[in-house]
Amino acid sequence: MQLVKVGLCAFGMSGKVFHAPFLNEHPGFFLSAIVERTKEESKQKYPNATIFRSVEEMLQSADIDLVVVNTPVQTHFEYVVKALEAGKNVIVEKPFTVTRIEAEALVQLAKDKNLFLSVYQNRRYDRDYFQVQDVLNAGKLGTLKEVEIRFDRFRTGPSAKAHKENPELCGSGALHDLGSHLIDQAMQLFGNPEKLFADVFSMKGQGFANDYFEILLYYKDDLRVRLKSTVFSKEAHYAYSLHGDKGSFLQERTDGQENELVLGAIPTYNEDWVKPLKDPDGILNYLNEDSVFERLVTSSEPGNYMDYYQGIYEHIVLGYALPSPGSEIIQNMKIIEASLKSAAEGKVVLL
């Protein structure tokens, strides 16, 4: 196989959990360089990767083809520019950037340099999201009328990550963090809305970045899609609630890849590696071909974040479509900015 040499810009949770394990197990990639500013934690699992003390040093010295920018969002623009200027293809963690203008500038620079720029939207590869896609593709709900997608947590104390918690930093807070997942899924499932109304604030109070948001997306044909997140949800809601004129579908958030990776699971190339579900995780109640309502419990099939990196590899080697290109994620940034504007002004914002 053609070997793609990769440099990782940080070895925090993102590097340890979402990137390094997959790059190490995929036979088409070689994890050649890792930035650790003061530590050498990566040596234990990835002894063949050279440690660099800064992104700049890695870009100047490392033999790499692809750079993964997985640093705090406030640094994404700076490091992606430097990587592109160094002639490297780039994967950047979500959220793409702090602002839409930054996102547009990076996409244009990548185009000018004839390099690719992909945003790591890993929740496109969750088992629960796949199940929602399958139900929609089957058409069992008829014409959709109302959809809600949630990503809730119970984290009532302050976060140790200043870049996510400090309200003075642009790009901090749940809207950029979890909102980038929900917005991306809504865009993938339903396309671009016509307008939106949003409520965004901090339930923990002043001194904290936003930890609650509710975004109402208005689509043609009277479809309403609600995106919501809170850190004060001790009991789980259904992550996906879809209602159409022929029935409803409720889907739990059951993808366990992140949890298993945190506990040390090794993702296996070219096969399912996650633990099977013990119980069904969805309810489908719809009008069947006999015009009788049928209520079914459903079980989702495993997701796999390795599929993202397989898509990256196939783009490099075979010229297949690039997974989540930056040009596509610009629209997500527009939704984030419009949501902040709507919340600040208390008005519906046209898109």
Protein backbone atom coordinates (compact mmCIF):
# COMPACT_ATOMS: atom_id res chain seq x y z
CA MET A 1 0.00 0.00 0.00
CA GLN A 2 1.05 3.58 -0.60
CA LEU A 3 2.16 4.94 2.77
CA VAL A 4 0.94 8.38 3.88
CA LYS A 5 3.14 9.99 6.54
CA VAL A 6 1.19 11.98 9.13
CA GLY A 7 2.06 14.62 11.70
CA LEU A 8 -0.18 15.16 14.76
CA CYS A 9 -0.23 18.69 16.17
CA ALA A 10 -1.13 17.74 19.75
CA PHE A 11 -1.34 14.71 22.03
CA GLY A 12 -4.19 15.63 24.35
CA MET A 13 -7.48 13.76 24.44
CA SER A 14 -8.20 14.36 20.76
CA GLY A 15 -4.82 13.00 19.72
CA LYS A 16 -4.86 10.07 22.12
CA VAL A 17 -8.45 9.01 21.48
CA PHE A 18 -9.66 10.10 18.05
CA HIS A 19 -6.58 10.22 15.83
CA ALA A 20 -3.44 8.37 16.89
CA PRO A 21 -5.12 4.94 17.41
CA PHE A 22 -6.69 4.98 13.95
CA LEU A 23 -3.60 6.30 12.18
CA ASN A 24 -1.51 3.63 13.91
CA GLU A 25 -3.84 0.75 13.00
CA HIS A 26 -4.58 1.77 9.41
CA PRO A 27 -1.93 0.12 7.17
CA GLY A 28 -1.96 3.05 4.74
CA PHE A 29 -0.80 5.63 7.29
CA PHE A 30 2.42 6.06 9.22
CA LEU A 31 2.27 8.25 12.32
CA SER A 32 5.58 9.94 11.73
CA ALA A 33 5.53 12.98 14.03
CA ILE A 34 3.73 14.14 17.18
CA VAL A 35 3.88 17.54 18.86
CA GLU A 36 4.25 17.36 22.65
CA ARG A 37 5.39 20.69 24.06
CA THR A 38 6.83 19.40 27.35
CA LYS A 39 6.02 15.69 27.77
CA GLU A 40 6.82 12.47 25.92
CA GLU A 41 3.67 10.46 26.63
CA SER A 42 3.32 9.26 23.06
CA LYS A 43 6.59 7.31 23.18
CA GLN A 44 5.01 4.39 25.01
CA LYS A 45 2.43 3.57 22.35
CA TYR A 46 4.00 5.19 19.30
CA PRO A 47 7.77 4.80 19.64
CA ASN A 48 8.36 5.26 15.90
CA ALA A 49 6.91 8.78 15.90
CA THR A 50 9.38 11.63 16.35
CA ILE A 51 8.40 14.09 19.08
CA PHE A 52 8.57 17.80 18.27
CA ARG A 53 8.16 20.67 20.72
CA SER A 54 6.14 22.95 18.45
CA VAL A 55 3.99 22.80 15.35
CA GLU A 56 6.43 25.09 13.59
CA GLU A 57 9.35 22.75 14.34
CA MET A 58 7.38 19.76 13.06
CA LEU A 59 6.46 21.52 9.83
CA GLN A 60 10.07 22.52 9.22
CA SER A 61 11.73 19.22 10.08
CA ALA A 62 9.35 16.27 9.85
CA ASP A 63 8.97 14.04 6.80
CA ILE A 64 5.18 14.21 6.53
CA ASP A 65 2.51 14.43 3.83
CA LEU A 66 -0.54 15.12 5.99
CA VAL A 67 -1.01 17.29 9.09
CA VAL A 68 -3.76 16.80 11.68
CA VAL A 69 -4.54 20.12 13.39
CA ASN A 70 -6.14 18.96 16.64
CA THR A 71 -5.22 21.92 18.84
CA PRO A 72 -7.74 24.28 20.55
CA VAL A 73 -10.12 25.90 18.06
CA GLN A 74 -8.65 29.36 18.72
CA THR A 75 -5.41 28.15 17.08
CA HIS A 76 -6.92 26.32 14.12
CA PHE A 77 -6.66 29.19 11.67
CA GLU A 78 -3.01 29.90 12.47
CA TYR A 79 -1.85 26.30 12.29
CA VAL A 80 -3.85 25.34 9.20
CA VAL A 81 -2.39 28.35 7.38
CA LYS A 82 1.13 27.30 8.39
CA ALA A 83 0.53 23.69 7.33
CA LEU A 84 -0.88 24.69 3.95
CA GLU A 85 1.93 27.18 3.40
CA ALA A 86 4.36 24.32 4.13
CA GLY A 87 2.73 22.31 1.33
CA LYS A 88 0.90 19.81 3.52
CA ASN A 89 -2.61 18.43 3.16
CA VAL A 90 -4.63 19.08 6.30
CA ILE A 91 -7.23 17.48 8.54
CA VAL A 92 -8.56 19.94 11.12
CA GLU A 93 -10.59 18.99 14.18
CA LYS A 94 -14.08 20.30 14.62
CA PRO A 95 -15.13 23.00 15.18
CA PHE A 96 -13.54 24.04 11.90
CA THR A 97 -12.65 27.58 12.98
CA VAL A 98 -13.80 30.36 15.28
CA THR A 99 -15.56 32.33 12.53
CA ARG A 100 -17.00 31.85 9.06
CA ILE A 101 -14.52 34.34 7.59
CA GLU A 102 -11.61 32.23 8.87
CA ALA A 103 -13.17 29.10 7.37
CA GLU A 104 -13.64 30.74 3.98
CA ALA A 105 -10.05 32.01 3.97
CA LEU A 106 -8.66 28.54 4.74
CA VAL A 107 -10.73 26.90 2.02
CA GLN A 108 -9.49 29.45 -0.50
CA LEU A 109 -5.87 29.00 0.57
CA ALA A 110 -6.12 25.21 0.24
CA LYS A 111 -7.57 25.68 -3.24
CA ASP A 112 -4.80 28.08 -4.22
CA LYS A 113 -2.16 25.63 -2.98
CA ASN A 114 -3.86 22.66 -4.70
CA LEU A 115 -4.05 20.86 -1.36
CA PHE A 116 -6.98 19.26 0.45
CA LEU A 117 -8.56 20.46 3.69
CA SER A 118 -10.93 18.14 5.55
CA VAL A 119 -12.78 18.73 8.83
CA TYR A 120 -12.93 15.81 11.25
CA GLN A 121 -16.71 15.41 11.63
CA ASN A 122 -16.49 12.02 13.32
CA ARG A 123 -20.14 11.93 14.45
CA ARG A 124 -21.07 11.14 10.85
CA TYR A 125 -19.75 7.68 11.71
CA ASP A 126 -21.82 7.06 14.86
CA ARG A 127 -24.10 4.02 14.99
CA ASP A 128 -27.14 6.03 16.06
CA TYR A 129 -26.72 8.52 13.21
CA PHE A 130 -26.44 5.65 10.72
CA GLN A 131 -29.71 4.24 12.04
CA VAL A 132 -31.47 7.57 11.53
CA GLN A 133 -30.18 7.67 7.96
CA ASP A 134 -31.48 4.15 7.32
CA VAL A 135 -34.96 4.98 8.63
CA LEU A 136 -35.15 8.15 6.56
CA ASN A 137 -33.93 6.37 3.43
CA ALA A 138 -36.58 3.68 3.91
CA GLY A 139 -39.28 6.38 3.78
CA LYS A 140 -41.34 4.79 6.54
CA LEU A 141 -42.14 8.10 8.24
CA GLY A 142 -43.69 9.67 5.17
CA THR A 143 -43.30 13.44 4.87
CA LEU A 144 -41.24 14.73 7.79
CA LYS A 145 -42.82 17.45 9.91
CA GLU A 146 -40.70 17.79 13.04
CA VAL A 147 -37.21 16.62 14.07
CA GLU A 148 -35.20 17.09 17.25
CA ILE A 149 -31.50 16.21 17.61
CA ARG A 150 -29.95 16.49 21.09
CA PHE A 151 -26.53 16.07 22.65
CA ASP A 152 -26.91 16.37 26.42
CA ARG A 153 -24.55 15.94 29.35
CA PHE A 154 -24.54 16.33 33.11
CA ARG A 155 -21.49 18.49 33.80
CA THR A 156 -22.50 21.14 36.28
CA GLY A 157 -18.99 22.08 37.37
CA PRO A 158 -16.36 24.11 35.51
CA SER A 159 -14.30 22.50 32.78
CA ALA A 160 -10.53 22.33 33.11
CA LYS A 161 -10.20 23.35 29.46
CA ALA A 162 -10.01 27.15 29.27
CA HIS A 163 -10.40 27.19 25.49
CA LYS A 164 -13.85 25.60 25.94
CA GLU A 165 -14.95 27.32 29.15
CA ASN A 166 -13.61 30.90 29.11
CA PRO A 167 -16.42 33.21 27.87
CA GLU A 168 -13.84 35.81 26.86
CA LEU A 169 -12.45 33.51 24.17
CA CYS A 170 -14.27 33.52 20.86
CA GLY A 171 -15.07 29.95 19.88
CA SER A 172 -15.49 28.66 23.43
CA GLY A 173 -18.70 27.06 24.66
CA ALA A 174 -21.12 24.30 23.75
CA LEU A 175 -22.37 25.89 20.54
CA HIS A 176 -18.98 25.60 18.84
CA ASP A 177 -18.16 22.30 20.56
CA LEU A 178 -21.25 20.07 20.49
CA GLY A 179 -23.19 22.36 18.18
CA SER A 180 -20.73 21.65 15.38
CA HIS A 181 -21.82 17.98 15.53
CA LEU A 182 -25.57 18.61 15.62
CA ILE A 183 -25.47 21.28 12.94
CA ASP A 184 -23.39 19.05 10.70
CA GLN A 185 -25.83 16.16 11.05
CA ALA A 186 -28.80 18.42 10.32
CA MET A 187 -27.06 19.77 7.21
CA GLN A 188 -26.26 16.24 6.05
CA LEU A 189 -29.78 14.95 6.63
CA PHE A 190 -31.91 17.89 5.56
CA GLY A 191 -29.75 20.44 3.72
CA ASN A 192 -29.68 24.18 4.25
CA PRO A 193 -32.54 25.82 6.18
CA GLU A 194 -34.13 29.09 5.14
CA LYS A 195 -33.90 30.78 8.56
CA LEU A 196 -33.36 30.05 12.24
CA PHE A 197 -34.12 31.19 15.76
CA ALA A 198 -31.74 30.39 18.62
CA ASP A 199 -31.38 30.61 22.39
CA VAL A 200 -27.74 30.42 23.54
CA PHE A 201 -26.49 31.13 27.06
CA SER A 202 -24.70 29.74 30.13
CA MET A 203 -26.84 27.87 32.65
CA LYS A 204 -23.87 27.80 35.02
CA GLY A 205 -24.00 31.59 35.11
CA GLN A 206 -21.67 34.47 34.36
CA GLY A 207 -18.02 33.60 34.09
CA PHE A 208 -18.72 30.52 31.97
CA ALA A 209 -19.01 30.05 28.24
CA ASN A 210 -22.39 29.03 26.82
CA ASP A 211 -23.39 25.55 27.98
CA TYR A 212 -26.96 25.52 26.65
CA PHE A 213 -28.35 26.11 23.19
CA GLU A 214 -31.56 25.51 21.31
CA ILE A 215 -31.64 26.22 17.59
CA LEU A 216 -34.84 26.04 15.58
CA LEU A 217 -34.18 25.56 11.87
CA TYR A 218 -36.96 26.50 9.44
CA TYR A 219 -37.11 24.50 6.20
CA LYS A 220 -39.35 24.61 3.17
CA ASP A 221 -42.60 22.63 3.29
CA ASP A 222 -43.02 23.56 6.97
CA LEU A 223 -40.33 21.16 8.30
CA ARG A 224 -38.92 22.23 11.66
CA VAL A 225 -35.61 20.86 12.96
CA ARG A 226 -34.62 21.60 16.55
CA LEU A 227 -31.02 21.20 17.77
CA LYS A 228 -30.51 21.23 21.51
CA SER A 229 -27.85 20.69 24.17
CA THR A 230 -27.62 21.20 27.92
CA VAL A 231 -25.19 20.24 30.68
CA PHE A 232 -28.03 19.82 33.20
CA SER A 233 -29.54 16.59 31.90
CA LYS A 234 -29.03 13.79 34.40
CA GLU A 235 -31.59 11.56 32.69
CA ALA A 236 -31.07 10.97 28.99
CA HIS A 237 -33.53 12.11 26.33
CA TYR A 238 -33.82 10.42 22.99
CA ALA A 239 -30.99 11.86 20.92
CA TYR A 240 -33.10 11.82 17.75
CA SER A 241 -36.86 12.28 17.53
CA LEU A 242 -38.36 12.25 14.05
CA HIS A 243 -42.05 12.71 13.32
CA GLY A 244 -43.73 12.45 9.92
CA ASP A 245 -47.24 12.07 8.56
CA LYS A 246 -46.90 8.26 8.59
CA GLY A 247 -45.19 7.70 11.93
CA SER A 248 -42.40 8.47 14.37
CA PHE A 249 -38.89 7.23 15.11
CA LEU A 250 -37.04 7.66 18.41
CA GLN A 251 -33.32 6.84 18.62
CA GLU A 252 -31.07 6.79 21.68
CA ARG A 253 -27.47 8.01 21.59
CA THR A 254 -25.72 4.67 21.94
CA ASP A 255 -22.47 4.97 20.00
CA GLY A 256 -19.78 3.86 22.43
CA GLN A 257 -16.66 4.43 20.38
CA GLU A 258 -15.41 7.42 22.38
CA ASN A 259 -15.93 5.68 25.72
CA GLU A 260 -14.24 2.50 24.57
CA LEU A 261 -11.29 4.41 23.11
CA VAL A 262 -10.86 6.34 26.37
CA LEU A 263 -10.68 2.99 28.17
CA GLY A 264 -7.94 1.83 25.82
CA ALA A 265 -9.74 -0.05 23.04
CA ILE A 266 -7.71 -0.61 19.87
CA PRO A 267 -9.71 0.05 16.68
CA THR A 268 -9.23 -2.79 14.24
CA TYR A 269 -8.74 -2.01 10.56
CA ASN A 270 -11.36 -3.29 8.11
CA GLU A 271 -13.71 -4.84 10.69
CA ASP A 272 -16.09 -3.89 13.49
CA TRP A 273 -14.27 -3.39 16.78
CA VAL A 274 -16.89 -1.91 19.12
CA LYS A 275 -18.81 -3.91 21.68
CA PRO A 276 -22.28 -5.11 20.55
CA LEU A 277 -25.39 -3.54 22.05
CA LYS A 278 -27.09 -5.46 24.84
CA ASP A 279 -30.53 -3.94 24.22
CA PRO A 280 -32.47 -2.32 21.36
CA ASP A 281 -31.88 1.43 21.11
CA GLY A 282 -34.74 2.70 18.95
CA ILE A 283 -38.51 2.72 18.52
CA LEU A 284 -40.21 2.89 15.12
CA ASN A 285 -43.99 3.33 15.00
CA TYR A 286 -45.26 3.70 11.45
CA LEU A 287 -48.11 3.03 9.06
CA ASN A 288 -47.21 -0.16 7.21
CA GLU A 289 -48.25 -1.38 3.75
CA ASP A 290 -51.48 -2.79 5.19
CA SER A 291 -52.39 0.67 6.52
CA VAL A 292 -51.93 -0.56 10.08
CA PHE A 293 -49.65 1.11 12.59
CA GLU A 294 -46.75 -1.18 13.44
CA ARG A 295 -44.54 -0.55 16.47
CA LEU A 296 -41.03 -2.00 16.32
CA VAL A 297 -38.00 -1.84 18.58
CA THR A 298 -34.81 -1.41 16.55
CA SER A 299 -31.11 -2.05 17.09
CA SER A 300 -28.49 0.05 15.32
CA GLU A 301 -25.45 -1.40 13.56
CA PRO A 302 -21.93 -0.46 14.75
CA GLY A 303 -20.32 2.76 13.64
CA ASN A 304 -16.61 3.10 12.96
CA TYR A 305 -14.44 6.21 12.98
CA MET A 306 -11.89 4.24 10.97
CA ASP A 307 -14.17 4.82 7.99
CA TYR A 308 -13.25 8.52 8.08
CA TYR A 309 -9.56 7.75 7.74
CA GLN A 310 -10.29 5.11 5.12
CA GLY A 311 -12.09 7.83 3.17
CA ILE A 312 -9.08 10.14 3.53
CA TYR A 313 -6.77 7.39 2.31
CA GLU A 314 -8.97 6.58 -0.69
CA HIS A 315 -9.06 10.27 -1.58
CA ILE A 316 -5.26 10.45 -1.55
CA VAL A 317 -4.58 7.19 -3.38
CA LEU A 318 -7.64 6.70 -5.58
CA GLY A 319 -9.02 10.21 -5.98
CA TYR A 320 -12.34 9.38 -4.35
CA ALA A 321 -14.47 12.14 -2.81
CA LEU A 322 -12.91 13.88 0.19
CA PRO A 323 -14.75 13.26 3.49
CA SER A 324 -16.24 16.45 4.99
CA PRO A 325 -14.27 18.97 2.89
CA GLY A 326 -13.77 22.41 4.37
CA SER A 327 -15.87 23.98 1.62
CA GLU A 328 -18.85 21.98 2.88
CA ILE A 329 -18.34 22.91 6.54
CA ILE A 330 -18.43 26.65 5.81
CA GLN A 331 -22.21 26.35 5.95
CA ASN A 332 -21.95 24.95 9.49
CA MET A 333 -19.97 28.01 10.53
CA LYS A 334 -22.68 30.24 9.04
CA ILE A 335 -25.27 28.46 11.20
CA ILE A 336 -23.16 28.95 14.34
CA GLU A 337 -22.73 32.66 13.66
CA ALA A 338 -26.40 33.11 12.80
CA SER A 339 -27.36 31.34 16.05
CA LEU A 340 -25.22 33.72 18.10
CA LYS A 341 -26.75 36.66 16.29
CA SER A 342 -30.30 35.38 16.82
CA ALA A 343 -29.68 34.76 20.53
CA ALA A 344 -28.16 38.21 21.02
CA GLU A 345 -30.96 40.03 19.18
CA GLY A 346 -33.88 37.77 20.05
CA LYS A 347 -34.87 37.58 16.41
CA VAL A 348 -35.31 35.11 13.59
CA VAL A 349 -32.29 35.29 11.26
CA LEU A 350 -32.62 34.70 7.53
CA LEU A 351 -29.91 32.55 5.96
